[in-house]
Amino acid sequence: MDSYLPLTEISIKRSLLQSLSINSLSLNQVSSPIGIIYQTSIALQLANGNLEKAQQINQTIINKISLVNNQTGLKLIVNQNHFGLLEFLIEQKEINIWLQKLPKLLIKNYSLSLSNHYSTDLKDEFFTLQYAHARCCSLLRLGHLDKLIQLKTLDFNQLAWFWLLPDPIPFAQILWQPKEEKELIEQIIKTIDDIDSVKSMKIAEDLSKAFLKFEQYCRIWGDVKRQNPTLAQARLGLIAIVQFLLRYLLKEKLGLIPLTEL
């Protein structure tokens, strides 16, 4: 069944939970060749593991699902799989639309506290996080100096959205390949879904590792810049999102001063 998800939250997962009239629903994000899927085993739980009953419950949920079908949100494909799990599929083109909205949502939802008690500690456990953040700053700075993008400032010592041009960022050019590009987008989604959890260190580590793999395999300069400059700009847009999220996690969740260069 097709439906539409109104973005009531910056998080796709939280928007979905708010749009469903089901209490205490647990959703797990899984990868799909054509997008991302949120799965829930609520029907199996209610049916005490009986697959046939679970399938009947899932069909009832699908029939009565309370998503606002006004065609103004993200398109969802709601289904159940052969294992009795209810699935909400969001295709890649819909995620690209969400990425377009994300910069304004980041500014609206995340702000710095007034605390000045931050550490400059660069222990081994934080090195990957700090290196990833500094590398994001370096790549954005290079993109600006190379006139591929335009930033408001090259001073990354504040929690702000520095991107100026192109506006909007051409995320429609994102093809979700190679797999490292797909994995970074999935990790950005998961980071925003889970950013308020108590596992801030793991969230930051997972985002940092996904970004570093993305940088290794997803080119921006050279042939990509010459032949498809909008793809290069879109990839820098992903890096700008990662930089914003890492800065927020490092400073607000882990109490560290994010390094802008190493």
C-alpha atoms as a PDB file:
ATOM      1  CA  MET A   1       0.000   0.000   0.000  1.00  0.00           C
ATOM      2  CA  ASP A   2       1.291   3.459  -0.873  1.00  0.00           C
ATOM      3  CA  SER A   3       0.902   6.307   1.582  1.00  0.00           C
ATOM      4  CA  TYR A   4       2.596   9.583   2.484  1.00  0.00           C
ATOM      5  CA  LEU A   5       4.507  10.464   5.623  1.00  0.00           C
ATOM      6  CA  PRO A   6       4.309  14.063   6.879  1.00  0.00           C
ATOM      7  CA  LEU A   7       7.673  15.167   8.267  1.00  0.00           C
ATOM      8  CA  THR A   8       6.638  16.250  11.755  1.00  0.00           C
ATOM      9  CA  GLU A   9      10.203  15.653  13.010  1.00  0.00           C
ATOM     10  CA  ILE A  10      13.681  15.959  11.544  1.00  0.00           C
ATOM     11  CA  SER A  11      13.927  12.185  12.075  1.00  0.00           C
ATOM     12  CA  ILE A  12      12.127   9.977   9.557  1.00  0.00           C
ATOM     13  CA  LYS A  13      11.727   7.292  12.215  1.00  0.00           C
ATOM     14  CA  ARG A  14      10.193   9.653  14.779  1.00  0.00           C
ATOM     15  CA  SER A  15       7.899  11.144  12.133  1.00  0.00           C
ATOM     16  CA  LEU A  16       6.738   7.636  11.290  1.00  0.00           C
ATOM     17  CA  LEU A  17       6.126   6.754  14.941  1.00  0.00           C
ATOM     18  CA  GLN A  18       4.087   9.923  15.433  1.00  0.00           C
ATOM     19  CA  SER A  19       2.020   9.189  12.339  1.00  0.00           C
ATOM     20  CA  LEU A  20       1.117   5.672  13.428  1.00  0.00           C
ATOM     21  CA  SER A  21      -1.700   5.100  15.922  1.00  0.00           C
ATOM     22  CA  ILE A  22       0.189   2.257  17.600  1.00  0.00           C
ATOM     23  CA  ASN A  23       1.666   2.702  21.072  1.00  0.00           C
ATOM     24  CA  SER A  24       5.110   1.411  22.070  1.00  0.00           C
ATOM     25  CA  LEU A  25       6.075   0.516  18.518  1.00  0.00           C
ATOM     26  CA  SER A  26       9.675  -0.547  17.958  1.00  0.00           C
ATOM     27  CA  LEU A  27      11.095   0.190  14.483  1.00  0.00           C
ATOM     28  CA  ASN A  28      14.389  -1.102  13.143  1.00  0.00           C
ATOM     29  CA  GLN A  29      16.095   0.382  10.084  1.00  0.00           C
ATOM     30  CA  VAL A  30      17.352  -2.119   7.524  1.00  0.00           C
ATOM     31  CA  SER A  31      18.993  -1.614   4.166  1.00  0.00           C
ATOM     32  CA  SER A  32      17.246  -2.145   0.858  1.00  0.00           C
ATOM     33  CA  PRO A  33      18.624  -2.094  -2.707  1.00  0.00           C
ATOM     34  CA  ILE A  34      16.131   0.657  -3.520  1.00  0.00           C
ATOM     35  CA  GLY A  35      16.061   2.696  -0.305  1.00  0.00           C
ATOM     36  CA  ILE A  36      15.621   2.053   3.398  1.00  0.00           C
ATOM     37  CA  ILE A  37      13.091  -0.056   5.262  1.00  0.00           C
ATOM     38  CA  TYR A  38      11.741   0.343   8.776  1.00  0.00           C
ATOM     39  CA  GLN A  39      10.598  -3.004  10.176  1.00  0.00           C
ATOM     40  CA  THR A  40       8.512  -3.906  13.188  1.00  0.00           C
ATOM     41  CA  SER A  41       7.690  -7.302  14.685  1.00  0.00           C
ATOM     42  CA  ILE A  42       4.669  -6.035  16.625  1.00  0.00           C
ATOM     43  CA  ALA A  43       2.270  -8.453  14.882  1.00  0.00           C
ATOM     44  CA  LEU A  44       4.440 -11.461  15.737  1.00  0.00           C
ATOM     45  CA  GLN A  45       4.551 -10.317  19.341  1.00  0.00           C
ATOM     46  CA  LEU A  46       0.788  -9.905  19.512  1.00  0.00           C
ATOM     47  CA  ALA A  47       0.309 -13.307  17.841  1.00  0.00           C
ATOM     48  CA  ASN A  48       2.773 -15.024  20.205  1.00  0.00           C
ATOM     49  CA  GLY A  49       4.891 -16.077  17.242  1.00  0.00           C
ATOM     50  CA  ASN A  50       2.067 -17.565  15.185  1.00  0.00           C
ATOM     51  CA  LEU A  51       2.899 -16.542  11.607  1.00  0.00           C
ATOM     52  CA  GLU A  52      -0.617 -16.887  10.197  1.00  0.00           C
ATOM     53  CA  LYS A  53      -2.125 -14.757  12.960  1.00  0.00           C
ATOM     54  CA  ALA A  54       0.712 -12.235  12.603  1.00  0.00           C
ATOM     55  CA  GLN A  55      -0.026 -11.872   8.893  1.00  0.00           C
ATOM     56  CA  GLN A  56      -3.684 -11.216   9.670  1.00  0.00           C
ATOM     57  CA  ILE A  57      -2.751  -8.577  12.261  1.00  0.00           C
ATOM     58  CA  ASN A  58      -0.350  -6.936   9.821  1.00  0.00           C
ATOM     59  CA  GLN A  59      -3.059  -6.759   7.170  1.00  0.00           C
ATOM     60  CA  THR A  60      -5.414  -5.147   9.676  1.00  0.00           C
ATOM     61  CA  ILE A  61      -2.739  -2.565  10.526  1.00  0.00           C
ATOM     62  CA  ILE A  62      -2.108  -1.893   6.840  1.00  0.00           C
ATOM     63  CA  ASN A  63      -5.824  -1.427   6.214  1.00  0.00           C
ATOM     64  CA  LYS A  64      -6.251   0.940   9.154  1.00  0.00           C
ATOM     65  CA  ILE A  65      -2.929   2.723   9.012  1.00  0.00           C
ATOM     66  CA  SER A  66      -3.361   6.321  10.087  1.00  0.00           C
ATOM     67  CA  LEU A  67      -0.838   8.065   7.873  1.00  0.00           C
ATOM     68  CA  VAL A  68      -2.010  11.351   6.398  1.00  0.00           C
ATOM     69  CA  ASN A  69      -2.464  10.583   2.721  1.00  0.00           C
ATOM     70  CA  ASN A  70      -2.230  14.144   1.399  1.00  0.00           C
ATOM     71  CA  GLN A  71       0.688  13.562  -0.993  1.00  0.00           C
ATOM     72  CA  THR A  72       2.759  16.294   0.636  1.00  0.00           C
ATOM     73  CA  GLY A  73       5.208  14.151   2.601  1.00  0.00           C
ATOM     74  CA  LEU A  74       7.562  11.314   1.804  1.00  0.00           C
ATOM     75  CA  LYS A  75       6.037   8.482  -0.158  1.00  0.00           C
ATOM     76  CA  LEU A  76       5.919   5.186   1.758  1.00  0.00           C
ATOM     77  CA  ILE A  77       5.297   1.665   0.550  1.00  0.00           C
ATOM     78  CA  VAL A  78       3.734  -0.321   3.387  1.00  0.00           C
ATOM     79  CA  ASN A  79       3.817  -4.106   3.201  1.00  0.00           C
ATOM     80  CA  GLN A  80       4.535  -7.271   5.179  1.00  0.00           C
ATOM     81  CA  ASN A  81       7.227  -9.794   4.431  1.00  0.00           C
ATOM     82  CA  HIS A  82       7.142 -13.589   4.521  1.00  0.00           C
ATOM     83  CA  PHE A  83       8.466 -13.642   8.084  1.00  0.00           C
ATOM     84  CA  GLY A  84       5.540 -11.710   9.556  1.00  0.00           C
ATOM     85  CA  LEU A  85       7.313  -8.367   9.811  1.00  0.00           C
ATOM     86  CA  LEU A  86       5.526  -5.147   8.901  1.00  0.00           C
ATOM     87  CA  GLU A  87       7.679  -3.008   6.598  1.00  0.00           C
ATOM     88  CA  PHE A  88       7.733   0.658   5.626  1.00  0.00           C
ATOM     89  CA  LEU A  89       9.860   1.226   2.519  1.00  0.00           C
ATOM     90  CA  ILE A  90      11.121   4.690   1.614  1.00  0.00           C
ATOM     91  CA  GLU A  91      12.716   4.725  -1.815  1.00  0.00           C
ATOM     92  CA  GLN A  92      15.956   6.490  -2.674  1.00  0.00           C
ATOM     93  CA  LYS A  93      14.329   9.364  -4.562  1.00  0.00           C
ATOM     94  CA  GLU A  94      12.208  10.113  -1.488  1.00  0.00           C
ATOM     95  CA  ILE A  95      15.298  10.104   0.733  1.00  0.00           C
ATOM     96  CA  ASN A  96      16.895  12.573  -1.674  1.00  0.00           C
ATOM     97  CA  ILE A  97      13.868  14.850  -1.110  1.00  0.00           C
ATOM     98  CA  TRP A  98      14.395  14.525   2.651  1.00  0.00           C
ATOM     99  CA  LEU A  99      18.073  15.440   2.205  1.00  0.00           C
ATOM    100  CA  GLN A 100      16.948  18.635   0.434  1.00  0.00           C
ATOM    101  CA  LYS A 101      14.902  19.613   3.486  1.00  0.00           C
ATOM    102  CA  LEU A 102      17.573  18.596   5.989  1.00  0.00           C
ATOM    103  CA  PRO A 103      19.715  21.787   6.194  1.00  0.00           C
ATOM    104  CA  LYS A 104      16.793  23.906   7.443  1.00  0.00           C
ATOM    105  CA  LEU A 105      15.724  21.124   9.802  1.00  0.00           C
ATOM    106  CA  LEU A 106      19.228  20.865  11.279  1.00  0.00           C
ATOM    107  CA  ILE A 107      19.275  24.550  12.186  1.00  0.00           C
ATOM    108  CA  LYS A 108      15.761  24.368  13.608  1.00  0.00           C
ATOM    109  CA  ASN A 109      16.313  21.273  15.747  1.00  0.00           C
ATOM    110  CA  TYR A 110      19.891  21.470  17.018  1.00  0.00           C
ATOM    111  CA  SER A 111      21.463  24.290  18.989  1.00  0.00           C
ATOM    112  CA  LEU A 112      24.420  24.682  21.320  1.00  0.00           C
ATOM    113  CA  SER A 113      24.041  24.792  25.086  1.00  0.00           C
ATOM    114  CA  LEU A 114      25.425  27.715  27.070  1.00  0.00           C
ATOM    115  CA  SER A 115      28.005  25.560  28.842  1.00  0.00           C
ATOM    116  CA  ASN A 116      31.670  26.433  28.385  1.00  0.00           C
ATOM    117  CA  HIS A 117      32.980  23.280  30.040  1.00  0.00           C
ATOM    118  CA  TYR A 118      34.384  21.420  27.057  1.00  0.00           C
ATOM    119  CA  SER A 119      37.477  19.268  26.859  1.00  0.00           C
ATOM    120  CA  THR A 120      40.310  19.444  24.352  1.00  0.00           C
ATOM    121  CA  ASP A 121      41.224  15.843  25.116  1.00  0.00           C
ATOM    122  CA  LEU A 122      42.460  13.892  22.074  1.00  0.00           C
ATOM    123  CA  LYS A 123      42.592  10.382  23.514  1.00  0.00           C
ATOM    124  CA  ASP A 124      42.801   7.438  21.139  1.00  0.00           C
ATOM    125  CA  GLU A 125      39.096   6.677  21.639  1.00  0.00           C
ATOM    126  CA  PHE A 126      38.186  10.118  20.269  1.00  0.00           C
ATOM    127  CA  PHE A 127      40.805  10.383  17.544  1.00  0.00           C
ATOM    128  CA  THR A 128      38.707   8.876  14.728  1.00  0.00           C
ATOM    129  CA  LEU A 129      35.829  11.227  15.571  1.00  0.00           C
ATOM    130  CA  GLN A 130      38.052  14.295  15.682  1.00  0.00           C
ATOM    131  CA  TYR A 131      39.905  13.280  12.529  1.00  0.00           C
ATOM    132  CA  ALA A 132      36.627  12.739  10.647  1.00  0.00           C
ATOM    133  CA  HIS A 133      35.310  16.154  11.728  1.00  0.00           C
ATOM    134  CA  ALA A 134      38.563  17.899  10.800  1.00  0.00           C
ATOM    135  CA  ARG A 135      38.599  16.095   7.447  1.00  0.00           C
ATOM    136  CA  CYS A 136      35.028  17.250   6.719  1.00  0.00           C
ATOM    137  CA  CYS A 137      36.120  20.840   7.415  1.00  0.00           C
ATOM    138  CA  SER A 138      39.148  20.434   5.159  1.00  0.00           C
ATOM    139  CA  LEU A 139      37.113  19.083   2.225  1.00  0.00           C
ATOM    140  CA  LEU A 140      34.470  21.797   2.556  1.00  0.00           C
ATOM    141  CA  ARG A 141      37.190  24.434   2.724  1.00  0.00           C
ATOM    142  CA  LEU A 142      38.796  23.001  -0.396  1.00  0.00           C
ATOM    143  CA  GLY A 143      35.461  22.929  -2.227  1.00  0.00           C
ATOM    144  CA  HIS A 144      34.951  26.593  -1.391  1.00  0.00           C
ATOM    145  CA  LEU A 145      38.444  27.651  -2.461  1.00  0.00           C
ATOM    146  CA  ASP A 146      38.052  25.629  -5.660  1.00  0.00           C
ATOM    147  CA  LYS A 147      34.785  27.542  -6.347  1.00  0.00           C
ATOM    148  CA  LEU A 148      32.847  24.296  -6.518  1.00  0.00           C
ATOM    149  CA  ILE A 149      30.658  25.461  -3.640  1.00  0.00           C
ATOM    150  CA  GLN A 150      30.300  28.676  -1.675  1.00  0.00           C
ATOM    151  CA  LEU A 151      30.309  28.814   2.115  1.00  0.00           C
ATOM    152  CA  LYS A 152      29.299  31.694   4.366  1.00  0.00           C
ATOM    153  CA  THR A 153      32.554  31.413   6.291  1.00  0.00           C
ATOM    154  CA  LEU A 154      35.581  29.164   6.575  1.00  0.00           C
ATOM    155  CA  ASP A 155      35.460  29.381  10.371  1.00  0.00           C
ATOM    156  CA  PHE A 156      33.978  26.076  11.494  1.00  0.00           C
ATOM    157  CA  ASN A 157      34.205  26.887  15.222  1.00  0.00           C
ATOM    158  CA  GLN A 158      30.463  27.219  15.679  1.00  0.00           C
ATOM    159  CA  LEU A 159      27.393  25.045  15.248  1.00  0.00           C
ATOM    160  CA  ALA A 160      25.939  26.575  12.111  1.00  0.00           C
ATOM    161  CA  TRP A 161      24.964  25.694   8.574  1.00  0.00           C
ATOM    162  CA  PHE A 162      27.835  27.171   6.563  1.00  0.00           C
ATOM    163  CA  TRP A 163      26.565  26.269   3.096  1.00  0.00           C
ATOM    164  CA  LEU A 164      25.543  29.141   0.819  1.00  0.00           C
ATOM    165  CA  LEU A 165      25.647  27.940  -2.812  1.00  0.00           C
ATOM    166  CA  PRO A 166      24.443  26.065  -4.743  1.00  0.00           C
ATOM    167  CA  ASP A 167      21.028  26.426  -3.212  1.00  0.00           C
ATOM    168  CA  PRO A 168      19.377  24.019  -3.119  1.00  0.00           C
ATOM    169  CA  ILE A 169      22.086  21.398  -2.907  1.00  0.00           C
ATOM    170  CA  PRO A 170      21.604  19.095  -5.948  1.00  0.00           C
ATOM    171  CA  PHE A 171      20.869  15.958  -3.918  1.00  0.00           C
ATOM    172  CA  ALA A 172      18.772  14.643  -6.804  1.00  0.00           C
ATOM    173  CA  GLN A 173      22.121  13.787  -8.421  1.00  0.00           C
ATOM    174  CA  ILE A 174      22.894  11.304  -5.647  1.00  0.00           C
ATOM    175  CA  LEU A 175      22.775   7.814  -7.158  1.00  0.00           C
ATOM    176  CA  TRP A 176      23.416   5.810  -3.959  1.00  0.00           C
ATOM    177  CA  GLN A 177      26.464   4.212  -5.530  1.00  0.00           C
ATOM    178  CA  PRO A 178      29.083   3.052  -4.964  1.00  0.00           C
ATOM    179  CA  LYS A 179      27.901   1.251  -1.853  1.00  0.00           C
ATOM    180  CA  GLU A 180      29.906   3.578   0.394  1.00  0.00           C
ATOM    181  CA  GLU A 181      27.701   6.483  -0.697  1.00  0.00           C
ATOM    182  CA  LYS A 182      24.591   4.462   0.105  1.00  0.00           C
ATOM    183  CA  GLU A 183      26.023   3.435   3.472  1.00  0.00           C
ATOM    184  CA  LEU A 184      26.805   7.035   4.413  1.00  0.00           C
ATOM    185  CA  ILE A 185      23.258   8.171   3.622  1.00  0.00           C
ATOM    186  CA  GLU A 186      21.853   5.300   5.670  1.00  0.00           C
ATOM    187  CA  GLN A 187      24.154   6.232   8.544  1.00  0.00           C
ATOM    188  CA  ILE A 188      23.114   9.896   8.379  1.00  0.00           C
ATOM    189  CA  ILE A 189      19.476   8.755   8.689  1.00  0.00           C
ATOM    190  CA  LYS A 190      20.317   6.448  11.600  1.00  0.00           C
ATOM    191  CA  THR A 191      22.354   9.152  13.334  1.00  0.00           C
ATOM    192  CA  ILE A 192      19.430  11.569  13.253  1.00  0.00           C
ATOM    193  CA  ASP A 193      17.016   8.824  14.334  1.00  0.00           C
ATOM    194  CA  ASP A 194      19.169   7.924  17.362  1.00  0.00           C
ATOM    195  CA  ILE A 195      20.927  11.194  18.178  1.00  0.00           C
ATOM    196  CA  ASP A 196      19.122  11.589  21.512  1.00  0.00           C
ATOM    197  CA  SER A 197      19.961   8.089  22.735  1.00  0.00           C
ATOM    198  CA  VAL A 198      22.522   7.392  25.456  1.00  0.00           C
ATOM    199  CA  LYS A 199      24.881   5.733  22.952  1.00  0.00           C
ATOM    200  CA  SER A 200      26.399   8.974  21.683  1.00  0.00           C
ATOM    201  CA  MET A 201      29.913   7.568  21.380  1.00  0.00           C
ATOM    202  CA  LYS A 202      28.825   4.647  19.193  1.00  0.00           C
ATOM    203  CA  ILE A 203      26.617   6.889  17.052  1.00  0.00           C
ATOM    204  CA  ALA A 204      29.518   9.279  16.457  1.00  0.00           C
ATOM    205  CA  GLU A 205      31.922   6.414  15.750  1.00  0.00           C
ATOM    206  CA  ASP A 206      29.583   4.798  13.236  1.00  0.00           C
ATOM    207  CA  LEU A 207      29.034   8.102  11.416  1.00  0.00           C
ATOM    208  CA  SER A 208      32.776   8.839  11.372  1.00  0.00           C
ATOM    209  CA  LYS A 209      33.646   5.416   9.962  1.00  0.00           C
ATOM    210  CA  ALA A 210      30.939   5.655   7.285  1.00  0.00           C
ATOM    211  CA  PHE A 211      32.230   9.081   6.256  1.00  0.00           C
ATOM    212  CA  LEU A 212      35.856   7.943   6.056  1.00  0.00           C
ATOM    213  CA  LYS A 213      34.869   5.023   3.816  1.00  0.00           C
ATOM    214  CA  PHE A 214      32.788   7.406   1.693  1.00  0.00           C
ATOM    215  CA  GLU A 215      35.751   9.741   1.283  1.00  0.00           C
ATOM    216  CA  GLN A 216      37.971   6.858   0.228  1.00  0.00           C
ATOM    217  CA  TYR A 217      35.685   5.493  -2.488  1.00  0.00           C
ATOM    218  CA  CYS A 218      33.436   8.373  -3.604  1.00  0.00           C
ATOM    219  CA  ARG A 219      35.340  10.896  -5.693  1.00  0.00           C
ATOM    220  CA  ILE A 220      34.649  14.628  -5.780  1.00  0.00           C
ATOM    221  CA  TRP A 221      37.497  16.115  -7.766  1.00  0.00           C
ATOM    222  CA  GLY A 222      39.176  15.010 -10.992  1.00  0.00           C
ATOM    223  CA  ASP A 223      36.871  13.347 -13.520  1.00  0.00           C
ATOM    224  CA  VAL A 224      33.806  13.684 -11.285  1.00  0.00           C
ATOM    225  CA  LYS A 225      34.188  17.453 -10.997  1.00  0.00           C
ATOM    226  CA  ARG A 226      34.842  17.851 -14.729  1.00  0.00           C
ATOM    227  CA  GLN A 227      32.156  15.508 -16.026  1.00  0.00           C
ATOM    228  CA  ASN A 228      29.472  15.789 -13.336  1.00  0.00           C
ATOM    229  CA  PRO A 229      30.030  18.867 -11.153  1.00  0.00           C
ATOM    230  CA  THR A 230      26.551  18.662  -9.617  1.00  0.00           C
ATOM    231  CA  LEU A 231      27.347  15.184  -8.281  1.00  0.00           C
ATOM    232  CA  ALA A 232      30.541  16.606  -6.766  1.00  0.00           C
ATOM    233  CA  GLN A 233      28.473  19.366  -5.151  1.00  0.00           C
ATOM    234  CA  ALA A 234      25.927  16.857  -3.829  1.00  0.00           C
ATOM    235  CA  ARG A 235      28.708  14.785  -2.271  1.00  0.00           C
ATOM    236  CA  LEU A 236      30.088  17.895  -0.610  1.00  0.00           C
ATOM    237  CA  GLY A 237      26.544  18.501   0.618  1.00  0.00           C
ATOM    238  CA  LEU A 238      26.587  15.098   2.323  1.00  0.00           C
ATOM    239  CA  ILE A 239      29.924  16.020   3.898  1.00  0.00           C
ATOM    240  CA  ALA A 240      28.441  19.301   5.177  1.00  0.00           C
ATOM    241  CA  ILE A 241      25.655  17.335   6.873  1.00  0.00           C
ATOM    242  CA  VAL A 242      28.182  14.947   8.431  1.00  0.00           C
ATOM    243  CA  GLN A 243      30.283  17.884   9.680  1.00  0.00           C
ATOM    244  CA  PHE A 244      27.246  19.475  11.326  1.00  0.00           C
ATOM    245  CA  LEU A 245      26.181  16.229  13.011  1.00  0.00           C
ATOM    246  CA  LEU A 246      29.693  15.343  14.180  1.00  0.00           C
ATOM    247  CA  ARG A 247      30.180  18.810  15.623  1.00  0.00           C
ATOM    248  CA  TYR A 248      26.911  18.506  17.525  1.00  0.00           C
ATOM    249  CA  LEU A 249      27.778  15.035  18.820  1.00  0.00           C
ATOM    250  CA  LEU A 250      31.325  15.961  19.813  1.00  0.00           C
ATOM    251  CA  LYS A 251      30.385  19.136  21.639  1.00  0.00           C
ATOM    252  CA  GLU A 252      26.891  18.619  22.996  1.00  0.00           C
ATOM    253  CA  LYS A 253      26.912  14.874  23.628  1.00  0.00           C
ATOM    254  CA  LEU A 254      30.563  14.085  24.375  1.00  0.00           C
ATOM    255  CA  GLY A 255      31.687  17.409  25.830  1.00  0.00           C
ATOM    256  CA  LEU A 256      34.624  17.882  23.456  1.00  0.00           C
ATOM    257  CA  ILE A 257      35.872  20.837  21.450  1.00  0.00           C
ATOM    258  CA  PRO A 258      35.597  19.701  17.801  1.00  0.00           C
ATOM    259  CA  LEU A 259      38.863  20.141  15.954  1.00  0.00           C
ATOM    260  CA  THR A 260      38.689  21.806  12.538  1.00  0.00           C
ATOM    261  CA  GLU A 261      42.171  20.736  11.499  1.00  0.00           C
ATOM    262  CA  LEU A 262      44.813  18.224  12.591  1.00  0.00           C
END
